[in-house]
Amino acid sequence: ERERFQREVEEEERKRKRGAGTSDEDLAKYEKWESRKPSDKGHQSVKVFNKGGEAWAAQWDADSKTWVLVGQVTGSSEAGTIEGVTYDWVLPIEHEVAGGGVRKLQIGYNNGENPFTVAQAFIDKHQMDQNDLRQVADYITQRTGAKKPVTLGMEEGSSASAPMDLTGSAAPPPLPP
């Protein structure tokens, strides 16, 4: 179980580095940047290349006879909609309820939002314990690559590293010194 989780975390990290919407299979199909060939489709030809293990879009410039990088291909394969609202990320959360049951929920997050603000709204909406705030915010940060806001009184990198599991099976986050 732990090894499977570690593999999933590593795959998510690879996705984040190469563009979240690009699968390993898709990346393998793209022509390598180092071995790119001239376009035969004209001046405005656009193509995706595998450049250093990341998906990059480039446009052919017929005048200079070169490919010009446009930008990294990004996006989220985890985008979706919750209750009619579209999000960049829709993440699953399991929450333990009284009596031993588990509620399967989803949290929506848009790039650029404060993970703590989103987590607080989620906790309020689902009437969860306020003590879950940091764990939910850390989960959003871990899954989306969001820049984590600085928390006064905490050292950099002192957040929980456990998977998002509010069922009590994961170890609680470490307490600050």
Protein backbone atom coordinates (compact mmCIF):
# COMPACT_ATOMS: atom_id res chain seq x y z
CA GLU A 1 0.00 0.00 0.00
CA ARG A 2 2.76 2.42 0.94
CA GLU A 3 4.78 1.56 -2.19
CA ARG A 4 1.71 2.15 -4.39
CA PHE A 5 1.19 5.56 -2.77
CA GLN A 6 4.87 6.43 -3.28
CA ARG A 7 4.59 5.51 -6.98
CA GLU A 8 1.49 7.71 -7.32
CA VAL A 9 3.29 10.63 -5.66
CA GLU A 10 6.29 10.19 -7.97
CA GLU A 11 4.02 10.10 -11.04
CA GLU A 12 2.25 13.28 -9.90
CA GLU A 13 5.62 14.98 -9.47
CA ARG A 14 6.66 13.91 -13.00
CA LYS A 15 3.36 15.28 -14.35
CA ARG A 16 3.87 18.58 -12.57
CA LYS A 17 7.40 18.92 -13.97
CA ARG A 18 6.46 18.16 -17.58
CA GLY A 19 3.01 19.76 -17.69
CA ALA A 20 0.17 18.28 -15.71
CA GLY A 21 -1.96 17.46 -18.73
CA THR A 22 0.74 15.38 -20.45
CA SER A 23 0.80 11.64 -19.82
CA ASP A 24 3.92 9.48 -20.09
CA GLU A 25 2.39 7.86 -23.18
CA ASP A 26 1.74 11.23 -24.87
CA LEU A 27 5.19 12.53 -24.01
CA ALA A 28 6.80 9.45 -25.59
CA LYS A 29 4.91 10.16 -28.87
CA TYR A 30 6.31 13.69 -29.26
CA GLU A 31 9.38 14.25 -31.40
CA LYS A 32 12.48 14.95 -29.32
CA TRP A 33 13.53 18.61 -29.42
CA GLU A 34 17.13 17.60 -30.06
CA SER A 35 16.17 15.69 -33.22
CA ARG A 36 13.55 18.12 -34.61
CA LYS A 37 13.16 18.40 -38.37
CA PRO A 38 12.06 21.34 -40.52
CA SER A 39 8.31 21.78 -40.98
CA ASP A 40 6.74 20.87 -44.30
CA LYS A 41 3.42 22.53 -43.40
CA GLY A 42 4.21 26.21 -43.90
CA HIS A 43 4.91 29.36 -41.96
CA GLN A 44 2.35 29.00 -39.14
CA SER A 45 2.94 25.35 -38.31
CA VAL A 46 2.73 24.57 -34.56
CA LYS A 47 3.99 21.33 -33.04
CA VAL A 48 4.54 19.82 -29.59
CA PHE A 49 8.02 18.49 -28.78
CA ASN A 50 9.51 16.44 -25.94
CA LYS A 51 12.16 18.82 -24.60
CA GLY A 52 14.02 17.49 -21.58
CA GLY A 53 11.12 15.26 -20.52
CA GLU A 54 8.59 18.10 -20.75
CA ALA A 55 6.01 18.92 -23.42
CA TRP A 56 6.81 22.17 -25.26
CA ALA A 57 4.91 23.87 -28.08
CA ALA A 58 6.92 25.44 -30.90
CA GLN A 59 6.01 27.37 -34.04
CA TRP A 60 7.84 27.08 -37.34
CA ASP A 61 9.37 30.32 -38.63
CA ALA A 62 9.80 29.93 -42.39
CA ASP A 63 11.93 33.07 -42.68
CA SER A 64 14.62 31.84 -40.27
CA LYS A 65 13.90 28.16 -41.01
CA THR A 66 13.79 27.33 -37.28
CA TRP A 67 11.34 26.19 -34.66
CA VAL A 68 10.60 28.95 -32.13
CA LEU A 69 9.51 27.83 -28.67
CA VAL A 70 6.10 29.19 -27.74
CA GLY A 71 5.84 27.75 -24.24
CA GLN A 72 5.50 24.70 -22.07
CA VAL A 73 2.32 22.68 -22.49
CA THR A 74 0.54 22.79 -19.16
CA GLY A 75 -2.88 22.04 -17.84
CA SER A 76 -4.50 19.71 -15.45
CA SER A 77 -5.77 16.27 -16.17
CA GLU A 78 -7.64 16.70 -12.90
CA ALA A 79 -9.76 19.67 -14.00
CA GLY A 80 -13.47 19.31 -13.55
CA THR A 81 -16.76 20.63 -12.26
CA ILE A 82 -18.38 20.47 -8.85
CA GLU A 83 -22.00 21.63 -8.51
CA GLY A 84 -21.80 23.53 -11.80
CA VAL A 85 -18.54 25.35 -10.96
CA THR A 86 -15.48 24.58 -13.11
CA TYR A 87 -12.10 24.21 -11.41
CA ASP A 88 -8.52 23.73 -12.60
CA TRP A 89 -8.30 20.87 -10.08
CA VAL A 90 -10.94 18.57 -8.61
CA LEU A 91 -9.36 16.45 -5.90
CA PRO A 92 -10.84 13.48 -4.01
CA ILE A 93 -10.99 13.57 -0.21
CA GLU A 94 -12.12 10.81 2.13
CA HIS A 95 -13.45 11.96 5.49
CA GLU A 96 -14.23 9.71 8.45
CA VAL A 97 -17.69 10.17 9.92
CA ALA A 98 -19.13 9.13 13.26
CA GLY A 99 -19.90 5.43 13.39
CA GLY A 100 -16.87 4.40 11.33
CA GLY A 101 -18.14 5.34 7.88
CA VAL A 102 -16.21 7.26 5.24
CA ARG A 103 -17.59 10.19 3.23
CA LYS A 104 -16.13 10.54 -0.25
CA LEU A 105 -15.93 14.23 -1.09
CA GLN A 106 -14.35 16.43 -3.75
CA ILE A 107 -12.61 19.76 -3.34
CA GLY A 108 -12.26 22.25 -6.18
CA TYR A 109 -9.19 24.43 -6.55
CA ASN A 110 -8.15 27.01 -9.15
CA ASN A 111 -4.52 27.85 -9.84
CA GLY A 112 -3.49 31.00 -8.00
CA GLU A 113 -5.93 30.60 -5.12
CA ASN A 114 -4.73 30.45 -1.53
CA PRO A 115 -4.89 26.76 -0.49
CA PHE A 116 -5.78 27.74 3.09
CA THR A 117 -8.72 29.89 1.96
CA VAL A 118 -10.04 27.06 -0.24
CA ALA A 119 -9.51 24.52 2.57
CA GLN A 120 -11.35 26.74 5.08
CA ALA A 121 -14.36 27.13 2.76
CA PHE A 122 -14.37 23.35 2.21
CA ILE A 123 -14.23 22.62 5.95
CA ASP A 124 -17.04 25.09 6.62
CA LYS A 125 -19.23 23.71 3.83
CA HIS A 126 -18.84 20.10 5.00
CA GLN A 127 -18.92 20.91 8.73
CA MET A 128 -15.56 19.32 9.34
CA ASP A 129 -13.32 19.82 12.36
CA GLN A 130 -11.25 23.01 12.21
CA ASN A 131 -8.19 20.93 13.11
CA ASP A 132 -8.32 19.46 9.59
CA LEU A 133 -7.51 22.85 7.99
CA ARG A 134 -3.73 22.42 7.70
CA GLN A 135 -4.01 18.86 6.40
CA VAL A 136 -6.52 19.85 3.69
CA ALA A 137 -4.44 22.90 2.68
CA ASP A 138 -1.24 20.81 2.58
CA TYR A 139 -3.01 18.22 0.43
CA ILE A 140 -4.07 20.91 -2.06
CA THR A 141 -0.51 22.23 -2.14
CA GLN A 142 0.98 18.76 -2.63
CA ARG A 143 -1.38 17.73 -5.42
CA THR A 144 -1.45 21.01 -7.37
CA GLY A 145 2.06 22.33 -6.84
CA ALA A 146 0.58 25.53 -5.41
CA LYS A 147 2.99 27.86 -3.66
CA LYS A 148 2.29 27.44 0.00
CA PRO A 149 1.65 30.65 1.92
CA VAL A 150 4.07 31.37 4.75
CA THR A 151 2.66 30.57 8.17
CA LEU A 152 4.06 32.75 10.94
CA GLY A 153 5.88 30.80 13.61
CA MET A 154 6.49 27.79 11.36
CA GLU A 155 9.77 26.83 9.76
CA GLU A 156 9.88 26.34 5.99
CA GLY A 157 8.98 22.78 5.05
CA SER A 158 7.50 21.77 8.41
CA SER A 159 4.15 20.66 6.97
CA ALA A 160 2.58 17.22 6.95
CA SER A 161 3.75 14.88 4.22
CA ALA A 162 1.05 12.26 4.69
CA PRO A 163 -1.54 11.56 1.97
CA MET A 164 -4.91 13.25 2.24
CA ASP A 165 -6.77 10.77 4.35
CA LEU A 166 -8.97 12.09 7.13
CA THR A 167 -10.05 8.61 8.17
CA GLY A 168 -7.47 8.51 10.93
CA SER A 169 -5.27 5.91 9.27
CA ALA A 170 -2.53 8.39 8.40
CA ALA A 171 -0.15 9.68 11.03
CA PRO A 172 -1.03 13.16 12.29
CA PRO A 173 1.15 16.05 11.06
CA PRO A 174 4.17 16.85 13.20
CA LEU A 175 3.73 19.54 15.79
CA PRO A 176 5.88 22.68 15.48
CA PRO A 177 8.82 22.93 17.90
